[in-house]
Amino acid sequence: MNCPSFFAEAPRLRVRDPLAAFLGASEDGILDYGYEDAVRLAGHSCPAVAGAYLMVVNGLSYLYDEALPERGGIELFMRGACDEGTTGVVASIATLLTGAAAETGFHGIGPARRFARRGLLRFGADIDGVMALRRRDTGAGVVVDIDTGAVPHAAEMAAVMPGAVSGEADAAGLTSFAVLWQDRVRRMLVEHADDPKLIHLYEWEPDDAAATLA
């Protein structure tokens, strides 16, 4: 994939997936993810995709500190409904990185349903953020929110976006739009990757009501 060079500068995520280890998909189940993986999944690079990637990376760092996060060992709660705004896109990125899936997820192996991922993703959760992550082993949780306004488009975007969106821009206008669009993504991923003004993290101790559908 011929990606913008800044993709390689974005934070990377290393996890351990017990299912990958069990099936021999990778040595010790270690999996490495980068922003380019999120782009491949979504098919595009935008502030929503970048924000989803950063929310998960920062949320897992909060929950696991220096330890490797366990892919498949995390429950994922989305505040929005699955068809609300960008919730579905954000959730798909979170599923990629955490393994947590809804009804279509892996059902597990054997009578005990070992390594099951199905049902670990829930929509419409009663939380004060875009998403929440909870460790299945310790119960520790974190609510993650984002304010993309903390990293606005460059001022020049105001002159080129209307033509690009309406389909009236010429080739030069479209090129300018794409460059400015990705510049905002670059600043989010490279200059503000762990900026608390962009990504907000809140310790979460959910009760049974908070961890169910609203």
C-alpha atoms as a PDB file:
ATOM      1  CA  MET A   1       0.000   0.000   0.000  1.00  0.00           C
ATOM      2  CA  ASN A   2       1.431   3.348  -1.060  1.00  0.00           C
ATOM      3  CA  CYS A   3       0.664   5.233   2.155  1.00  0.00           C
ATOM      4  CA  PRO A   4       1.590   8.746   3.241  1.00  0.00           C
ATOM      5  CA  SER A   5       4.953   8.554   4.981  1.00  0.00           C
ATOM      6  CA  PHE A   6       3.590   9.817   8.290  1.00  0.00           C
ATOM      7  CA  PHE A   7       1.628   6.572   8.796  1.00  0.00           C
ATOM      8  CA  ALA A   8       4.906   5.010   9.913  1.00  0.00           C
ATOM      9  CA  GLU A   9       5.342   7.724  12.568  1.00  0.00           C
ATOM     10  CA  ALA A  10       2.032   6.975  14.279  1.00  0.00           C
ATOM     11  CA  PRO A  11       2.057   4.975  17.539  1.00  0.00           C
ATOM     12  CA  ARG A  12       2.097   1.226  17.082  1.00  0.00           C
ATOM     13  CA  LEU A  13       0.287  -1.338  19.186  1.00  0.00           C
ATOM     14  CA  ARG A  14       1.648  -4.716  20.238  1.00  0.00           C
ATOM     15  CA  VAL A  15      -0.725  -7.230  21.790  1.00  0.00           C
ATOM     16  CA  ARG A  16      -0.755 -10.884  22.701  1.00  0.00           C
ATOM     17  CA  ASP A  17      -3.623 -12.965  21.370  1.00  0.00           C
ATOM     18  CA  PRO A  18      -4.011 -16.372  23.070  1.00  0.00           C
ATOM     19  CA  LEU A  19      -6.028 -17.648  20.109  1.00  0.00           C
ATOM     20  CA  ALA A  20      -3.220 -16.726  17.720  1.00  0.00           C
ATOM     21  CA  ALA A  21      -0.794 -18.567  19.998  1.00  0.00           C
ATOM     22  CA  PHE A  22      -3.051 -21.642  20.255  1.00  0.00           C
ATOM     23  CA  LEU A  23      -3.419 -21.919  16.476  1.00  0.00           C
ATOM     24  CA  GLY A  24       0.206 -21.051  15.726  1.00  0.00           C
ATOM     25  CA  ALA A  25      -0.665 -17.900  13.800  1.00  0.00           C
ATOM     26  CA  SER A  26       2.272 -16.043  15.337  1.00  0.00           C
ATOM     27  CA  GLU A  27       5.091 -16.854  17.706  1.00  0.00           C
ATOM     28  CA  ASP A  28       3.799 -16.588  21.284  1.00  0.00           C
ATOM     29  CA  GLY A  29       0.638 -14.981  19.873  1.00  0.00           C
ATOM     30  CA  ILE A  30       2.316 -11.599  19.529  1.00  0.00           C
ATOM     31  CA  LEU A  31       0.617  -9.322  17.009  1.00  0.00           C
ATOM     32  CA  ASP A  32       1.756  -5.863  15.911  1.00  0.00           C
ATOM     33  CA  TYR A  33      -0.651  -3.259  14.574  1.00  0.00           C
ATOM     34  CA  GLY A  34      -0.065   0.113  12.967  1.00  0.00           C
ATOM     35  CA  TYR A  35      -2.313   2.865  11.701  1.00  0.00           C
ATOM     36  CA  GLU A  36      -2.016   1.458   8.195  1.00  0.00           C
ATOM     37  CA  ASP A  37      -3.916  -1.633   9.400  1.00  0.00           C
ATOM     38  CA  ALA A  38      -6.822   0.557  10.475  1.00  0.00           C
ATOM     39  CA  VAL A  39      -6.740   2.282   7.086  1.00  0.00           C
ATOM     40  CA  ARG A  40      -6.803  -1.044   5.255  1.00  0.00           C
ATOM     41  CA  LEU A  41      -9.832  -2.085   7.255  1.00  0.00           C
ATOM     42  CA  ALA A  42     -11.734   1.180   6.821  1.00  0.00           C
ATOM     43  CA  GLY A  43     -10.567   1.797   3.258  1.00  0.00           C
ATOM     44  CA  HIS A  44      -9.728   5.411   4.028  1.00  0.00           C
ATOM     45  CA  SER A  45      -7.834   7.691   6.401  1.00  0.00           C
ATOM     46  CA  CYS A  46      -9.783  10.381   8.225  1.00  0.00           C
ATOM     47  CA  PRO A  47     -10.058  11.974  11.688  1.00  0.00           C
ATOM     48  CA  ALA A  48     -12.658   9.355  12.729  1.00  0.00           C
ATOM     49  CA  VAL A  49     -10.369   6.453  11.813  1.00  0.00           C
ATOM     50  CA  ALA A  50      -7.337   8.142  13.367  1.00  0.00           C
ATOM     51  CA  GLY A  51      -9.357   9.018  16.457  1.00  0.00           C
ATOM     52  CA  ALA A  52     -10.615   5.456  16.851  1.00  0.00           C
ATOM     53  CA  TYR A  53      -7.081   4.122  16.548  1.00  0.00           C
ATOM     54  CA  LEU A  54      -5.743   6.583  19.131  1.00  0.00           C
ATOM     55  CA  MET A  55      -8.606   6.003  21.547  1.00  0.00           C
ATOM     56  CA  VAL A  56      -7.930   2.269  21.633  1.00  0.00           C
ATOM     57  CA  VAL A  57      -4.147   2.638  21.819  1.00  0.00           C
ATOM     58  CA  ASN A  58      -4.399   5.118  24.699  1.00  0.00           C
ATOM     59  CA  GLY A  59      -7.140   3.160  26.433  1.00  0.00           C
ATOM     60  CA  LEU A  60      -5.136  -0.063  26.366  1.00  0.00           C
ATOM     61  CA  SER A  61      -2.038   1.757  27.582  1.00  0.00           C
ATOM     62  CA  TYR A  62      -4.074   3.053  30.514  1.00  0.00           C
ATOM     63  CA  LEU A  63      -5.357  -0.422  31.400  1.00  0.00           C
ATOM     64  CA  TYR A  64      -2.160  -2.405  30.889  1.00  0.00           C
ATOM     65  CA  ASP A  65       0.596   0.152  31.482  1.00  0.00           C
ATOM     66  CA  GLU A  66       3.840  -1.550  30.342  1.00  0.00           C
ATOM     67  CA  ALA A  67       2.315  -5.040  30.027  1.00  0.00           C
ATOM     68  CA  LEU A  68       1.150  -6.443  26.698  1.00  0.00           C
ATOM     69  CA  PRO A  69      -2.611  -6.042  26.253  1.00  0.00           C
ATOM     70  CA  GLU A  70      -4.447  -9.312  25.782  1.00  0.00           C
ATOM     71  CA  ARG A  71      -6.397  -9.304  22.544  1.00  0.00           C
ATOM     72  CA  GLY A  72      -9.639 -11.141  23.221  1.00  0.00           C
ATOM     73  CA  GLY A  73      -9.405 -10.332  26.913  1.00  0.00           C
ATOM     74  CA  ILE A  74     -11.156  -6.980  26.647  1.00  0.00           C
ATOM     75  CA  GLU A  75     -14.803  -5.995  26.629  1.00  0.00           C
ATOM     76  CA  LEU A  76     -15.725  -3.034  24.442  1.00  0.00           C
ATOM     77  CA  PHE A  77     -18.667  -0.721  25.059  1.00  0.00           C
ATOM     78  CA  MET A  78     -19.796   1.889  22.515  1.00  0.00           C
ATOM     79  CA  ARG A  79     -22.043   4.751  23.570  1.00  0.00           C
ATOM     80  CA  GLY A  80     -23.699   5.082  20.162  1.00  0.00           C
ATOM     81  CA  ALA A  81     -25.957   2.667  18.357  1.00  0.00           C
ATOM     82  CA  CYS A  82     -24.265   0.553  15.693  1.00  0.00           C
ATOM     83  CA  ASP A  83     -25.844   2.637  12.902  1.00  0.00           C
ATOM     84  CA  GLU A  84     -25.366   6.030  14.560  1.00  0.00           C
ATOM     85  CA  GLY A  85     -22.930   8.426  12.895  1.00  0.00           C
ATOM     86  CA  THR A  86     -19.410   7.027  12.765  1.00  0.00           C
ATOM     87  CA  THR A  87     -20.005   4.546  15.604  1.00  0.00           C
ATOM     88  CA  GLY A  88     -19.822   1.530  13.294  1.00  0.00           C
ATOM     89  CA  VAL A  89     -16.536   2.659  11.755  1.00  0.00           C
ATOM     90  CA  VAL A  90     -15.003   3.411  15.152  1.00  0.00           C
ATOM     91  CA  ALA A  91     -16.188   0.068  16.522  1.00  0.00           C
ATOM     92  CA  SER A  92     -14.683  -1.834  13.583  1.00  0.00           C
ATOM     93  CA  ILE A  93     -11.269  -0.310  14.301  1.00  0.00           C
ATOM     94  CA  ALA A  94     -11.653  -1.134  17.998  1.00  0.00           C
ATOM     95  CA  THR A  95     -12.601  -4.716  17.125  1.00  0.00           C
ATOM     96  CA  LEU A  96      -9.517  -5.059  14.942  1.00  0.00           C
ATOM     97  CA  LEU A  97      -7.232  -4.031  17.801  1.00  0.00           C
ATOM     98  CA  THR A  98      -8.981  -5.616  20.796  1.00  0.00           C
ATOM     99  CA  GLY A  99     -10.671  -8.658  19.268  1.00  0.00           C
ATOM    100  CA  ALA A 100     -13.954  -7.718  20.959  1.00  0.00           C
ATOM    101  CA  ALA A 101     -16.812  -8.495  18.572  1.00  0.00           C
ATOM    102  CA  ALA A 102     -20.594  -8.407  18.497  1.00  0.00           C
ATOM    103  CA  GLU A 103     -22.903 -11.193  17.320  1.00  0.00           C
ATOM    104  CA  THR A 104     -20.754 -11.997  14.292  1.00  0.00           C
ATOM    105  CA  GLY A 105     -17.599 -12.631  16.287  1.00  0.00           C
ATOM    106  CA  PHE A 106     -15.738 -15.895  16.766  1.00  0.00           C
ATOM    107  CA  HIS A 107     -17.849 -18.303  18.856  1.00  0.00           C
ATOM    108  CA  GLY A 108     -14.938 -20.110  20.507  1.00  0.00           C
ATOM    109  CA  ILE A 109     -13.353 -23.564  20.469  1.00  0.00           C
ATOM    110  CA  GLY A 110     -14.720 -26.669  22.115  1.00  0.00           C
ATOM    111  CA  PRO A 111     -17.556 -27.125  24.624  1.00  0.00           C
ATOM    112  CA  ALA A 112     -16.111 -24.400  26.858  1.00  0.00           C
ATOM    113  CA  ARG A 113     -16.055 -21.908  23.973  1.00  0.00           C
ATOM    114  CA  ARG A 114     -12.417 -21.074  24.657  1.00  0.00           C
ATOM    115  CA  PHE A 115     -11.097 -17.899  23.024  1.00  0.00           C
ATOM    116  CA  ALA A 116     -14.649 -16.717  22.190  1.00  0.00           C
ATOM    117  CA  ARG A 117     -14.901 -13.106  21.011  1.00  0.00           C
ATOM    118  CA  ARG A 118     -18.635 -13.024  20.286  1.00  0.00           C
ATOM    119  CA  GLY A 119     -20.623 -10.731  22.573  1.00  0.00           C
ATOM    120  CA  LEU A 120     -17.625  -8.764  23.837  1.00  0.00           C
ATOM    121  CA  LEU A 121     -18.748  -5.666  21.916  1.00  0.00           C
ATOM    122  CA  ARG A 122     -21.915  -3.868  22.980  1.00  0.00           C
ATOM    123  CA  PHE A 123     -23.571  -0.789  21.518  1.00  0.00           C
ATOM    124  CA  GLY A 124     -25.796   1.776  23.233  1.00  0.00           C
ATOM    125  CA  ALA A 125     -23.888   1.600  26.523  1.00  0.00           C
ATOM    126  CA  ASP A 126     -24.635   4.097  29.283  1.00  0.00           C
ATOM    127  CA  ILE A 127     -21.219   5.762  29.386  1.00  0.00           C
ATOM    128  CA  ASP A 128     -19.936   9.338  29.296  1.00  0.00           C
ATOM    129  CA  GLY A 129     -17.551   8.873  26.402  1.00  0.00           C
ATOM    130  CA  VAL A 130     -17.305   7.456  22.906  1.00  0.00           C
ATOM    131  CA  MET A 131     -16.205   4.046  24.177  1.00  0.00           C
ATOM    132  CA  ALA A 132     -15.207   2.145  27.268  1.00  0.00           C
ATOM    133  CA  LEU A 133     -12.766  -0.746  27.618  1.00  0.00           C
ATOM    134  CA  ARG A 134     -12.802  -3.282  30.433  1.00  0.00           C
ATOM    135  CA  ARG A 135     -10.314  -6.008  31.218  1.00  0.00           C
ATOM    136  CA  ARG A 136     -11.966  -9.380  31.603  1.00  0.00           C
ATOM    137  CA  ASP A 137      -9.301 -10.638  34.014  1.00  0.00           C
ATOM    138  CA  THR A 138      -9.190  -7.788  36.537  1.00  0.00           C
ATOM    139  CA  GLY A 139     -12.388  -5.866  35.800  1.00  0.00           C
ATOM    140  CA  ALA A 140     -10.429  -2.626  35.462  1.00  0.00           C
ATOM    141  CA  GLY A 141     -12.089  -0.226  33.066  1.00  0.00           C
ATOM    142  CA  VAL A 142     -11.533   3.066  31.312  1.00  0.00           C
ATOM    143  CA  VAL A 143     -13.890   5.419  29.505  1.00  0.00           C
ATOM    144  CA  VAL A 144     -12.336   7.059  26.458  1.00  0.00           C
ATOM    145  CA  ASP A 145     -13.575  10.214  24.778  1.00  0.00           C
ATOM    146  CA  ILE A 146     -12.192  12.429  22.029  1.00  0.00           C
ATOM    147  CA  ASP A 147     -12.368  16.094  21.078  1.00  0.00           C
ATOM    148  CA  THR A 148     -11.269  16.335  17.454  1.00  0.00           C
ATOM    149  CA  GLY A 149     -11.738  20.098  17.701  1.00  0.00           C
ATOM    150  CA  ALA A 150      -8.442  20.136  19.585  1.00  0.00           C
ATOM    151  CA  VAL A 151      -6.752  19.450  16.228  1.00  0.00           C
ATOM    152  CA  PRO A 152      -8.681  21.506  13.664  1.00  0.00           C
ATOM    153  CA  HIS A 153      -8.206  21.633   9.926  1.00  0.00           C
ATOM    154  CA  ALA A 154      -5.730  24.185   8.620  1.00  0.00           C
ATOM    155  CA  ALA A 155      -7.329  27.520   7.801  1.00  0.00           C
ATOM    156  CA  GLU A 156      -6.737  26.912   4.081  1.00  0.00           C
ATOM    157  CA  MET A 157      -9.259  24.052   4.143  1.00  0.00           C
ATOM    158  CA  ALA A 158     -12.178  26.498   4.232  1.00  0.00           C
ATOM    159  CA  ALA A 159     -11.373  27.590   0.677  1.00  0.00           C
ATOM    160  CA  VAL A 160     -11.030  24.119  -0.871  1.00  0.00           C
ATOM    161  CA  MET A 161     -13.468  21.865   0.995  1.00  0.00           C
ATOM    162  CA  PRO A 162     -16.735  23.164  -0.508  1.00  0.00           C
ATOM    163  CA  GLY A 163     -15.604  22.514  -4.072  1.00  0.00           C
ATOM    164  CA  ALA A 164     -14.188  19.093  -3.218  1.00  0.00           C
ATOM    165  CA  VAL A 165     -17.303  17.974  -1.364  1.00  0.00           C
ATOM    166  CA  SER A 166     -19.674  19.253  -4.056  1.00  0.00           C
ATOM    167  CA  GLY A 167     -17.695  17.625  -6.859  1.00  0.00           C
ATOM    168  CA  GLU A 168     -16.968  20.962  -8.523  1.00  0.00           C
ATOM    169  CA  ALA A 169     -13.250  21.191  -7.701  1.00  0.00           C
ATOM    170  CA  ASP A 170     -10.658  20.826 -10.444  1.00  0.00           C
ATOM    171  CA  ALA A 171      -7.645  18.500 -10.170  1.00  0.00           C
ATOM    172  CA  ALA A 172      -5.558  21.101  -8.350  1.00  0.00           C
ATOM    173  CA  GLY A 173      -8.367  21.730  -5.898  1.00  0.00           C
ATOM    174  CA  LEU A 174      -8.795  18.039  -5.191  1.00  0.00           C
ATOM    175  CA  THR A 175      -5.072  17.638  -4.606  1.00  0.00           C
ATOM    176  CA  SER A 176      -5.063  20.553  -2.167  1.00  0.00           C
ATOM    177  CA  PHE A 177      -8.053  19.097  -0.362  1.00  0.00           C
ATOM    178  CA  ALA A 178      -6.439  15.662   0.024  1.00  0.00           C
ATOM    179  CA  VAL A 179      -3.153  17.149   1.264  1.00  0.00           C
ATOM    180  CA  LEU A 180      -4.891  19.338   3.843  1.00  0.00           C
ATOM    181  CA  TRP A 181      -7.172  16.474   4.908  1.00  0.00           C
ATOM    182  CA  GLN A 182      -4.269  14.148   5.605  1.00  0.00           C
ATOM    183  CA  ASP A 183      -2.304  16.929   7.290  1.00  0.00           C
ATOM    184  CA  ARG A 184      -4.950  17.044   9.999  1.00  0.00           C
ATOM    185  CA  VAL A 185      -4.754  13.263  10.381  1.00  0.00           C
ATOM    186  CA  ARG A 186      -0.957  13.530  10.579  1.00  0.00           C
ATOM    187  CA  ARG A 187      -1.112  16.113  13.342  1.00  0.00           C
ATOM    188  CA  MET A 188      -3.523  13.943  15.323  1.00  0.00           C
ATOM    189  CA  LEU A 189      -1.392  10.801  15.005  1.00  0.00           C
ATOM    190  CA  VAL A 190       2.083  12.303  15.269  1.00  0.00           C
ATOM    191  CA  GLU A 191       1.885  15.594  17.153  1.00  0.00           C
ATOM    192  CA  HIS A 192      -1.084  14.869  19.444  1.00  0.00           C
ATOM    193  CA  ALA A 193      -1.099  11.081  19.812  1.00  0.00           C
ATOM    194  CA  ASP A 194      -1.243  11.207  23.623  1.00  0.00           C
ATOM    195  CA  ASP A 195      -2.486  14.775  24.050  1.00  0.00           C
ATOM    196  CA  PRO A 196      -5.092  14.856  26.857  1.00  0.00           C
ATOM    197  CA  LYS A 197      -6.808  17.716  25.044  1.00  0.00           C
ATOM    198  CA  LEU A 198      -7.531  15.312  22.180  1.00  0.00           C
ATOM    199  CA  ILE A 199      -7.941  11.959  23.975  1.00  0.00           C
ATOM    200  CA  HIS A 200      -9.676  11.965  27.355  1.00  0.00           C
ATOM    201  CA  LEU A 201      -9.285   8.991  29.692  1.00  0.00           C
ATOM    202  CA  TYR A 202     -11.429   8.398  32.772  1.00  0.00           C
ATOM    203  CA  GLU A 203     -11.106   5.548  35.244  1.00  0.00           C
ATOM    204  CA  TRP A 204     -14.246   3.423  35.075  1.00  0.00           C
ATOM    205  CA  GLU A 205     -15.710   1.134  37.696  1.00  0.00           C
ATOM    206  CA  PRO A 206     -18.900   0.022  35.984  1.00  0.00           C
ATOM    207  CA  ASP A 207     -21.814  -1.410  37.877  1.00  0.00           C
ATOM    208  CA  ASP A 208     -24.123  -3.905  36.215  1.00  0.00           C
ATOM    209  CA  ALA A 209     -26.352  -1.140  34.870  1.00  0.00           C
ATOM    210  CA  ALA A 210     -23.542   0.878  33.311  1.00  0.00           C
ATOM    211  CA  ALA A 211     -22.172  -2.160  31.538  1.00  0.00           C
ATOM    212  CA  THR A 212     -25.429  -3.078  29.832  1.00  0.00           C
ATOM    213  CA  LEU A 213     -27.329  -1.617  26.946  1.00  0.00           C
ATOM    214  CA  ALA A 214     -28.961   1.730  27.667  1.00  0.00           C
END
